[in-house]
């Protein structure tokens, strides 16, 4: 999707290397994700969004732990790899700034190592829109398999703009 105005031009480079990206990317550890789901109160009956899901490294961990997993990824090539790994997961074309879901439709939003590609304020408004009251946003650093603890975000002014 080179030239797609919704996506940072540098991020579109992943489209041409989706298979290589998938093979080179480390799997996500399960224990920290289980901790994050439990902390959010998002149990086996939860609807969870994996935002900027890529090839599904985080989705693979989330899918068996929740009732419904929705993966949103703007690059068709990355979504194709994700759907090959997880054919039962709903994989949608969309961005963090324009999530193709109804208001208040998810219990939790997980973002792997992708927030740096987002327009932060616009993405946070959209995330807030799709979260149910009491829902959570969890940043998961896929590189080390750990959720980002909320205290690490306290110094960042995420709600400006």
N, C-alpha and C. Protein backbone atom coordinates (compact mmCIF):
# COMPACT_ATOMS: atom_id res chain seq x y z
N UNK A 1 0.81 -1.19 0.00
CA UNK A 1 0.00 0.00 0.00
C UNK A 1 0.85 1.25 0.00
N UNK A 2 1.90 1.25 -0.75
CA UNK A 2 2.76 2.42 -0.81
C UNK A 2 1.93 3.63 -1.20
N UNK A 3 2.15 4.73 -0.54
CA UNK A 3 1.43 5.95 -0.84
C UNK A 3 0.10 6.09 -0.12
N UNK A 4 -0.26 5.17 0.74
CA UNK A 4 -1.51 5.25 1.49
C UNK A 4 -1.39 6.42 2.47
N UNK A 5 -2.24 7.43 2.34
CA UNK A 5 -2.10 8.62 3.20
C UNK A 5 -2.38 8.36 4.67
N UNK A 6 -2.97 7.20 5.01
CA UNK A 6 -3.27 6.88 6.40
C UNK A 6 -2.05 6.39 7.16
N UNK A 7 -1.00 6.03 6.43
CA UNK A 7 0.14 5.32 7.04
C UNK A 7 1.42 6.12 6.84
N UNK A 8 2.24 6.18 7.87
CA UNK A 8 3.55 6.81 7.77
C UNK A 8 4.30 6.15 6.61
N UNK A 9 4.87 6.93 5.69
CA UNK A 9 5.57 6.34 4.54
C UNK A 9 6.64 5.32 4.93
N UNK A 10 7.32 5.54 6.03
CA UNK A 10 8.34 4.57 6.47
C UNK A 10 7.70 3.24 6.87
N UNK A 11 6.52 3.30 7.47
CA UNK A 11 5.85 2.08 7.91
C UNK A 11 5.38 1.22 6.73
N UNK A 12 5.13 1.84 5.59
CA UNK A 12 4.68 1.06 4.43
C UNK A 12 5.76 0.11 3.93
N UNK A 13 7.00 0.33 4.32
CA UNK A 13 8.09 -0.57 3.91
C UNK A 13 7.86 -1.99 4.41
N UNK A 14 7.11 -2.15 5.50
CA UNK A 14 6.85 -3.50 6.02
C UNK A 14 6.04 -4.34 5.04
N UNK A 15 5.28 -3.69 4.18
CA UNK A 15 4.44 -4.43 3.23
C UNK A 15 5.28 -5.35 2.34
N UNK A 16 6.43 -4.89 1.93
CA UNK A 16 7.27 -5.68 1.05
C UNK A 16 8.07 -6.78 1.72
N UNK A 17 8.06 -6.79 3.05
CA UNK A 17 8.87 -7.78 3.78
C UNK A 17 8.06 -8.49 4.86
N UNK A 18 6.76 -8.61 4.66
CA UNK A 18 5.88 -9.17 5.70
C UNK A 18 6.31 -10.57 6.11
N UNK A 19 6.65 -11.42 5.17
CA UNK A 19 7.06 -12.80 5.50
C UNK A 19 8.36 -12.81 6.29
N UNK A 20 9.34 -12.03 5.85
CA UNK A 20 10.62 -11.93 6.56
C UNK A 20 10.42 -11.35 7.96
N UNK A 21 9.61 -10.31 8.06
CA UNK A 21 9.31 -9.70 9.35
C UNK A 21 8.74 -10.74 10.32
N UNK A 22 7.81 -11.54 9.82
CA UNK A 22 7.17 -12.55 10.65
C UNK A 22 8.17 -13.59 11.13
N UNK A 23 9.07 -14.01 10.26
CA UNK A 23 10.07 -15.03 10.66
C UNK A 23 11.10 -14.47 11.63
N UNK A 24 11.45 -13.20 11.48
CA UNK A 24 12.51 -12.61 12.30
C UNK A 24 12.02 -12.12 13.66
N UNK A 25 10.75 -11.80 13.76
CA UNK A 25 10.20 -11.24 14.99
C UNK A 25 10.07 -12.32 16.06
N UNK A 26 10.52 -12.02 17.25
CA UNK A 26 10.43 -12.98 18.34
C UNK A 26 8.99 -13.16 18.78
N UNK A 27 8.64 -14.36 19.25
CA UNK A 27 7.29 -14.55 19.79
C UNK A 27 7.13 -13.78 21.09
N UNK A 28 5.91 -13.49 21.42
CA UNK A 28 5.59 -12.77 22.65
C UNK A 28 5.44 -13.78 23.79
N UNK A 29 6.02 -13.45 24.93
CA UNK A 29 5.88 -14.31 26.11
C UNK A 29 4.44 -14.24 26.61
N UNK A 30 3.94 -15.34 27.15
CA UNK A 30 2.54 -15.39 27.55
C UNK A 30 2.27 -14.88 28.96
N UNK A 31 3.16 -15.10 29.88
CA UNK A 31 2.90 -14.75 31.28
C UNK A 31 2.59 -13.26 31.47
N UNK A 32 3.37 -12.35 30.90
CA UNK A 32 3.04 -10.93 31.09
C UNK A 32 1.70 -10.53 30.46
N UNK A 33 1.33 -11.17 29.37
CA UNK A 33 0.06 -10.87 28.74
C UNK A 33 -1.09 -11.35 29.62
N UNK A 34 -0.93 -12.53 30.20
CA UNK A 34 -1.94 -13.04 31.14
C UNK A 34 -2.08 -12.10 32.32
N UNK A 35 -0.96 -11.58 32.81
CA UNK A 35 -0.99 -10.62 33.91
C UNK A 35 -1.76 -9.37 33.50
N UNK A 36 -1.49 -8.86 32.31
CA UNK A 36 -2.15 -7.63 31.85
C UNK A 36 -3.65 -7.85 31.66
N UNK A 37 -4.05 -8.98 31.12
CA UNK A 37 -5.47 -9.29 30.96
C UNK A 37 -6.15 -9.38 32.32
N UNK A 38 -5.50 -10.04 33.27
CA UNK A 38 -6.07 -10.18 34.62
C UNK A 38 -6.17 -8.82 35.30
N UNK A 39 -5.14 -8.00 35.17
CA UNK A 39 -5.15 -6.67 35.78
C UNK A 39 -6.26 -5.82 35.21
N UNK A 40 -6.59 -6.03 33.95
CA UNK A 40 -7.65 -5.27 33.30
C UNK A 40 -9.02 -5.85 33.57
N UNK A 41 -9.06 -7.01 34.20
CA UNK A 41 -10.33 -7.69 34.40
C UNK A 41 -10.90 -8.21 33.10
N UNK A 42 -10.04 -8.40 32.11
CA UNK A 42 -10.46 -8.90 30.79
C UNK A 42 -10.24 -10.41 30.76
N UNK A 43 -11.27 -11.13 31.12
CA UNK A 43 -11.17 -12.58 31.21
C UNK A 43 -11.53 -13.28 29.91
N UNK A 44 -11.88 -14.53 30.05
CA UNK A 44 -12.17 -15.37 28.89
C UNK A 44 -13.39 -14.91 28.11
N UNK A 45 -14.22 -14.04 28.70
CA UNK A 45 -15.40 -13.54 28.00
C UNK A 45 -15.17 -12.17 27.34
N UNK A 46 -13.93 -11.68 27.35
CA UNK A 46 -13.62 -10.33 26.88
C UNK A 46 -13.52 -10.24 25.35
N UNK A 47 -13.79 -9.03 24.87
CA UNK A 47 -13.52 -8.66 23.49
C UNK A 47 -12.30 -7.75 23.53
N UNK A 48 -11.25 -8.15 22.81
CA UNK A 48 -9.97 -7.45 22.87
C UNK A 48 -9.55 -7.04 21.47
N UNK A 49 -8.98 -5.85 21.37
CA UNK A 49 -8.45 -5.32 20.11
C UNK A 49 -6.93 -5.36 20.15
N UNK A 50 -6.32 -5.99 19.14
CA UNK A 50 -4.88 -5.91 18.92
C UNK A 50 -4.70 -4.86 17.83
N UNK A 51 -4.25 -3.68 18.22
CA UNK A 51 -4.15 -2.53 17.32
C UNK A 51 -2.77 -2.46 16.69
N UNK A 52 -2.73 -2.29 15.37
CA UNK A 52 -1.48 -2.35 14.59
C UNK A 52 -0.89 -3.75 14.78
N UNK A 53 -1.71 -4.74 14.50
CA UNK A 53 -1.41 -6.13 14.82
C UNK A 53 -0.28 -6.74 14.01
N UNK A 54 0.12 -6.13 12.92
CA UNK A 54 1.21 -6.69 12.12
C UNK A 54 0.91 -8.10 11.66
N UNK A 55 1.88 -8.98 11.84
CA UNK A 55 1.72 -10.37 11.42
C UNK A 55 1.10 -11.25 12.51
N UNK A 56 0.76 -10.66 13.64
CA UNK A 56 0.02 -11.38 14.66
C UNK A 56 0.81 -11.97 15.81
N UNK A 57 2.01 -11.49 16.06
CA UNK A 57 2.79 -12.06 17.17
C UNK A 57 2.08 -11.90 18.51
N UNK A 58 1.46 -10.76 18.74
CA UNK A 58 0.70 -10.55 19.97
C UNK A 58 -0.67 -11.23 19.87
N UNK A 59 -1.27 -11.21 18.71
CA UNK A 59 -2.58 -11.85 18.50
C UNK A 59 -2.54 -13.34 18.83
N UNK A 60 -1.45 -14.00 18.50
CA UNK A 60 -1.32 -15.44 18.77
C UNK A 60 -1.42 -15.71 20.27
N UNK A 61 -0.91 -14.80 21.07
CA UNK A 61 -0.96 -14.97 22.53
C UNK A 61 -2.34 -14.60 23.06
N UNK A 62 -2.93 -13.55 22.51
CA UNK A 62 -4.22 -13.07 23.00
C UNK A 62 -5.39 -13.98 22.60
N UNK A 63 -5.39 -14.47 21.39
CA UNK A 63 -6.56 -15.18 20.83
C UNK A 63 -7.09 -16.31 21.71
N UNK A 64 -6.26 -17.20 22.23
CA UNK A 64 -6.83 -18.30 23.03
C UNK A 64 -7.26 -17.88 24.44
N UNK A 65 -7.01 -16.65 24.81
CA UNK A 65 -7.29 -16.20 26.17
C UNK A 65 -8.53 -15.32 26.29
N UNK A 66 -9.14 -14.97 25.16
CA UNK A 66 -10.30 -14.08 25.17
C UNK A 66 -11.40 -14.65 24.29
N UNK A 67 -12.62 -14.18 24.51
CA UNK A 67 -13.76 -14.68 23.71
C UNK A 67 -13.68 -14.21 22.27
N UNK A 68 -13.30 -12.97 22.09
CA UNK A 68 -13.24 -12.41 20.74
C UNK A 68 -12.02 -11.51 20.63
N UNK A 69 -11.20 -11.80 19.63
CA UNK A 69 -10.05 -10.96 19.34
C UNK A 69 -10.26 -10.33 17.97
N UNK A 70 -10.07 -9.02 17.93
CA UNK A 70 -10.13 -8.28 16.67
C UNK A 70 -8.75 -7.70 16.44
N UNK A 71 -8.18 -7.98 15.28
CA UNK A 71 -6.87 -7.44 14.92
C UNK A 71 -7.08 -6.36 13.87
N UNK A 72 -6.53 -5.18 14.11
CA UNK A 72 -6.60 -4.09 13.15
C UNK A 72 -5.18 -3.80 12.67
N UNK A 73 -5.01 -3.84 11.36
CA UNK A 73 -3.69 -3.65 10.73
C UNK A 73 -3.91 -3.00 9.35
N UNK A 74 -3.21 -1.89 9.07
CA UNK A 74 -3.44 -1.21 7.80
C UNK A 74 -2.78 -1.87 6.58
N UNK A 75 -1.75 -2.65 6.77
CA UNK A 75 -1.04 -3.23 5.63
C UNK A 75 -1.60 -4.61 5.29
N UNK A 76 -2.14 -4.74 4.09
CA UNK A 76 -2.77 -5.99 3.65
C UNK A 76 -1.78 -7.16 3.71
N UNK A 77 -0.54 -6.91 3.39
CA UNK A 77 0.47 -7.98 3.40
C UNK A 77 0.70 -8.52 4.80
N UNK A 78 0.71 -7.64 5.78
CA UNK A 78 0.88 -8.06 7.17
C UNK A 78 -0.38 -8.81 7.65
N UNK A 79 -1.56 -8.28 7.30
CA UNK A 79 -2.81 -8.96 7.68
C UNK A 79 -2.89 -10.35 7.07
N UNK A 80 -2.39 -10.52 5.86
CA UNK A 80 -2.44 -11.84 5.20
C UNK A 80 -1.64 -12.86 5.99
N UNK A 81 -0.48 -12.48 6.49
CA UNK A 81 0.33 -13.39 7.30
C UNK A 81 -0.40 -13.69 8.61
N UNK A 82 -0.96 -12.67 9.25
CA UNK A 82 -1.72 -12.86 10.48
C UNK A 82 -2.87 -13.85 10.25
N UNK A 83 -3.62 -13.67 9.17
CA UNK A 83 -4.77 -14.54 8.92
C UNK A 83 -4.35 -15.97 8.60
N UNK A 84 -3.17 -16.15 8.05
CA UNK A 84 -2.66 -17.50 7.82
C UNK A 84 -2.38 -18.19 9.16
N UNK A 85 -1.82 -17.44 10.11
CA UNK A 85 -1.54 -18.00 11.44
C UNK A 85 -2.81 -18.19 12.26
N UNK A 86 -3.76 -17.27 12.12
CA UNK A 86 -4.97 -17.24 12.95
C UNK A 86 -6.20 -17.05 12.07
N UNK A 87 -6.61 -18.07 11.34
CA UNK A 87 -7.73 -17.90 10.42
C UNK A 87 -9.05 -17.55 11.09
N UNK A 88 -9.20 -17.84 12.37
CA UNK A 88 -10.43 -17.53 13.07
C UNK A 88 -10.52 -16.14 13.65
N UNK A 89 -9.43 -15.38 13.57
CA UNK A 89 -9.42 -14.03 14.14
C UNK A 89 -9.93 -13.04 13.09
N UNK A 90 -10.77 -12.14 13.54
CA UNK A 90 -11.29 -11.08 12.68
C UNK A 90 -10.16 -10.07 12.46
N UNK A 91 -9.67 -9.96 11.23
CA UNK A 91 -8.59 -9.05 10.90
C UNK A 91 -9.13 -7.96 9.98
N UNK A 92 -9.05 -6.72 10.45
CA UNK A 92 -9.64 -5.59 9.74
C UNK A 92 -8.59 -4.61 9.27
N UNK A 93 -8.88 -3.98 8.14
CA UNK A 93 -8.06 -2.89 7.63
C UNK A 93 -8.41 -1.64 8.42
N UNK A 94 -7.42 -1.01 8.99
CA UNK A 94 -7.67 0.22 9.74
C UNK A 94 -6.39 0.71 10.38
N UNK A 95 -6.47 1.89 10.93
CA UNK A 95 -5.33 2.49 11.61
C UNK A 95 -5.73 2.87 13.03
N UNK A 96 -4.74 3.23 13.81
CA UNK A 96 -5.02 3.66 15.19
C UNK A 96 -5.82 4.96 15.21
N UNK A 97 -5.69 5.74 14.17
CA UNK A 97 -6.40 7.02 14.11
C UNK A 97 -7.82 6.89 13.54
N UNK A 98 -8.13 5.73 12.97
CA UNK A 98 -9.45 5.47 12.38
C UNK A 98 -9.76 3.98 12.57
N UNK A 99 -10.12 3.61 13.79
CA UNK A 99 -10.38 2.21 14.12
C UNK A 99 -11.78 1.84 13.61
N UNK A 100 -11.88 0.78 12.80
CA UNK A 100 -13.17 0.43 12.19
C UNK A 100 -14.09 -0.37 13.11
N UNK A 101 -14.33 0.17 14.30
CA UNK A 101 -15.19 -0.48 15.30
C UNK A 101 -16.16 0.54 15.87
N UNK A 102 -17.24 0.04 16.43
CA UNK A 102 -18.26 0.89 17.04
C UNK A 102 -17.76 1.46 18.37
N UNK A 103 -18.36 2.54 18.79
CA UNK A 103 -18.07 3.13 20.09
C UNK A 103 -18.30 2.09 21.19
N UNK A 104 -17.40 2.05 22.18
CA UNK A 104 -17.56 1.19 23.34
C UNK A 104 -17.67 -0.29 23.02
N UNK A 105 -16.95 -0.76 22.03
CA UNK A 105 -17.11 -2.15 21.59
C UNK A 105 -16.07 -3.13 22.11
N UNK A 106 -15.01 -2.65 22.79
CA UNK A 106 -13.97 -3.57 23.27
C UNK A 106 -13.67 -3.34 24.74
N UNK A 107 -13.25 -4.42 25.40
CA UNK A 107 -12.89 -4.36 26.82
C UNK A 107 -11.45 -3.91 27.02
N UNK A 108 -10.60 -4.20 26.05
CA UNK A 108 -9.18 -3.86 26.17
C UNK A 108 -8.59 -3.65 24.79
N UNK A 109 -7.64 -2.74 24.73
CA UNK A 109 -6.86 -2.50 23.51
C UNK A 109 -5.41 -2.78 23.86
N UNK A 110 -4.81 -3.67 23.09
CA UNK A 110 -3.38 -3.96 23.22
C UNK A 110 -2.66 -3.39 22.02
N UNK A 111 -1.53 -2.77 22.28
CA UNK A 111 -0.67 -2.25 21.22
C UNK A 111 0.72 -2.84 21.44
N UNK A 112 1.20 -3.61 20.47
CA UNK A 112 2.57 -4.11 20.54
C UNK A 112 3.52 -2.96 20.24
N UNK A 113 4.67 -3.24 19.77
CA UNK A 113 5.70 -2.22 19.52
C UNK A 113 5.35 -1.38 18.29
N UNK A 114 4.29 -0.57 18.41
CA UNK A 114 3.83 0.19 17.25
C UNK A 114 3.40 1.62 17.56
N UNK A 115 3.26 1.98 18.80
CA UNK A 115 2.70 3.30 19.11
C UNK A 115 3.51 4.43 18.48
N UNK A 116 4.79 4.22 18.28
CA UNK A 116 5.63 5.27 17.70
C UNK A 116 5.24 5.59 16.26
N UNK A 117 4.45 4.73 15.60
CA UNK A 117 3.97 5.00 14.24
C UNK A 117 2.68 5.83 14.26
N UNK A 118 2.04 5.96 15.41
CA UNK A 118 0.73 6.60 15.49
C UNK A 118 0.85 8.11 15.64
N UNK A 119 -0.20 8.81 15.25
CA UNK A 119 -0.42 10.20 15.65
C UNK A 119 -1.01 10.08 17.05
N UNK A 120 -0.18 10.24 18.06
CA UNK A 120 -0.55 9.94 19.45
C UNK A 120 -1.89 10.49 19.90
N UNK A 121 -2.11 11.80 19.83
CA UNK A 121 -3.39 12.34 20.31
C UNK A 121 -4.60 11.79 19.53
N UNK A 122 -4.48 11.70 18.21
CA UNK A 122 -5.60 11.17 17.42
C UNK A 122 -5.85 9.70 17.75
N UNK A 123 -4.79 8.93 17.89
CA UNK A 123 -4.93 7.51 18.21
C UNK A 123 -5.56 7.33 19.59
N UNK A 124 -5.15 8.11 20.55
CA UNK A 124 -5.70 7.98 21.90
C UNK A 124 -7.18 8.35 21.94
N UNK A 125 -7.58 9.34 21.15
CA UNK A 125 -9.01 9.67 21.07
C UNK A 125 -9.80 8.48 20.51
N UNK A 126 -9.27 7.83 19.46
CA UNK A 126 -9.94 6.68 18.86
C UNK A 126 -9.98 5.49 19.82
N UNK A 127 -8.88 5.24 20.48
CA UNK A 127 -8.82 4.15 21.45
C UNK A 127 -9.86 4.38 22.55
N UNK A 128 -9.92 5.59 23.06
CA UNK A 128 -10.90 5.94 24.08
C UNK A 128 -12.32 5.72 23.55
N UNK A 129 -12.56 6.06 22.30
CA UNK A 129 -13.89 5.90 21.70
C UNK A 129 -14.32 4.44 21.65
N UNK A 130 -13.41 3.53 21.28
CA UNK A 130 -13.81 2.12 21.11
C UNK A 130 -13.80 1.32 22.42
N UNK A 131 -13.17 1.85 23.45
CA UNK A 131 -13.15 1.16 24.74
C UNK A 131 -14.48 1.30 25.47
N UNK A 132 -14.91 0.22 26.09
CA UNK A 132 -16.08 0.26 26.96
C UNK A 132 -15.70 1.00 28.25
N UNK A 133 -16.66 1.55 28.97
CA UNK A 133 -16.33 2.16 30.26
C UNK A 133 -15.57 1.17 31.14
N UNK A 134 -14.47 1.61 31.69
CA UNK A 134 -13.64 0.74 32.52
C UNK A 134 -12.65 -0.09 31.73
N UNK A 135 -12.67 0.03 30.40
CA UNK A 135 -11.72 -0.72 29.57
C UNK A 135 -10.31 -0.18 29.71
N UNK A 136 -9.35 -0.94 29.23
CA UNK A 136 -7.95 -0.53 29.40
C UNK A 136 -7.21 -0.53 28.08
N UNK A 137 -6.18 0.30 28.06
CA UNK A 137 -5.19 0.33 26.99
C UNK A 137 -3.92 -0.24 27.57
N UNK A 138 -3.35 -1.25 26.91
CA UNK A 138 -2.12 -1.87 27.39
C UNK A 138 -1.08 -1.86 26.28
N UNK A 139 0.04 -1.23 26.56
CA UNK A 139 1.17 -1.26 25.64
C UNK A 139 1.99 -2.50 25.97
N UNK A 140 2.26 -3.32 24.98
CA UNK A 140 3.04 -4.54 25.19
C UNK A 140 4.29 -4.43 24.35
N UNK A 141 5.43 -4.42 24.98
CA UNK A 141 6.71 -4.35 24.27
C UNK A 141 7.03 -5.74 23.78
N UNK A 142 6.70 -6.01 22.53
CA UNK A 142 6.89 -7.35 21.98
C UNK A 142 8.37 -7.74 21.97
N UNK A 143 9.25 -6.78 21.86
CA UNK A 143 10.68 -7.10 21.80
C UNK A 143 11.13 -7.83 23.05
N UNK A 144 10.57 -7.46 24.22
CA UNK A 144 10.99 -8.17 25.43
C UNK A 144 9.84 -8.94 26.07
N UNK A 145 8.68 -8.96 25.39
CA UNK A 145 7.56 -9.77 25.86
C UNK A 145 6.86 -9.26 27.09
N UNK A 146 7.06 -8.00 27.45
CA UNK A 146 6.50 -7.49 28.70
C UNK A 146 5.51 -6.36 28.44
N UNK A 147 4.42 -6.31 29.20
CA UNK A 147 3.56 -5.14 29.12
C UNK A 147 4.31 -3.93 29.69
N UNK A 148 3.99 -2.77 29.20
CA UNK A 148 4.57 -1.55 29.74
C UNK A 148 3.75 -1.17 30.96
N UNK A 149 4.39 -1.10 32.14
CA UNK A 149 3.61 -0.78 33.34
C UNK A 149 3.10 0.66 33.29
N UNK A 150 1.89 0.90 33.83
CA UNK A 150 1.31 2.25 33.77
C UNK A 150 2.22 3.32 34.34
N UNK A 151 2.98 2.98 35.38
CA UNK A 151 3.85 4.01 35.98
C UNK A 151 4.91 4.51 35.00
N UNK A 152 5.26 3.71 34.01
CA UNK A 152 6.24 4.14 33.01
C UNK A 152 5.67 5.22 32.10
N UNK A 153 4.34 5.33 32.07
CA UNK A 153 3.70 6.30 31.19
C UNK A 153 3.32 7.59 31.89
N UNK A 154 3.50 7.66 33.21
CA UNK A 154 3.05 8.82 33.96
C UNK A 154 3.73 10.11 33.55
N UNK A 155 4.96 10.04 33.09
CA UNK A 155 5.70 11.24 32.71
C UNK A 155 5.37 11.69 31.30
N UNK A 156 4.60 10.92 30.57
CA UNK A 156 4.28 11.25 29.19
C UNK A 156 2.91 11.89 29.14
N UNK A 157 2.82 13.06 28.53
CA UNK A 157 1.53 13.72 28.41
C UNK A 157 0.83 13.19 27.16
N UNK A 158 0.09 12.08 27.31
CA UNK A 158 -0.55 11.42 26.19
C UNK A 158 -1.82 12.10 25.74
N UNK A 159 -2.41 12.94 26.57
CA UNK A 159 -3.73 13.47 26.25
C UNK A 159 -3.69 14.89 25.73
N UNK A 160 -2.57 15.34 25.19
CA UNK A 160 -2.51 16.68 24.61
C UNK A 160 -3.03 16.64 23.18
N UNK A 161 -3.38 17.79 22.66
CA UNK A 161 -3.84 17.87 21.26
C UNK A 161 -5.25 17.77 21.22
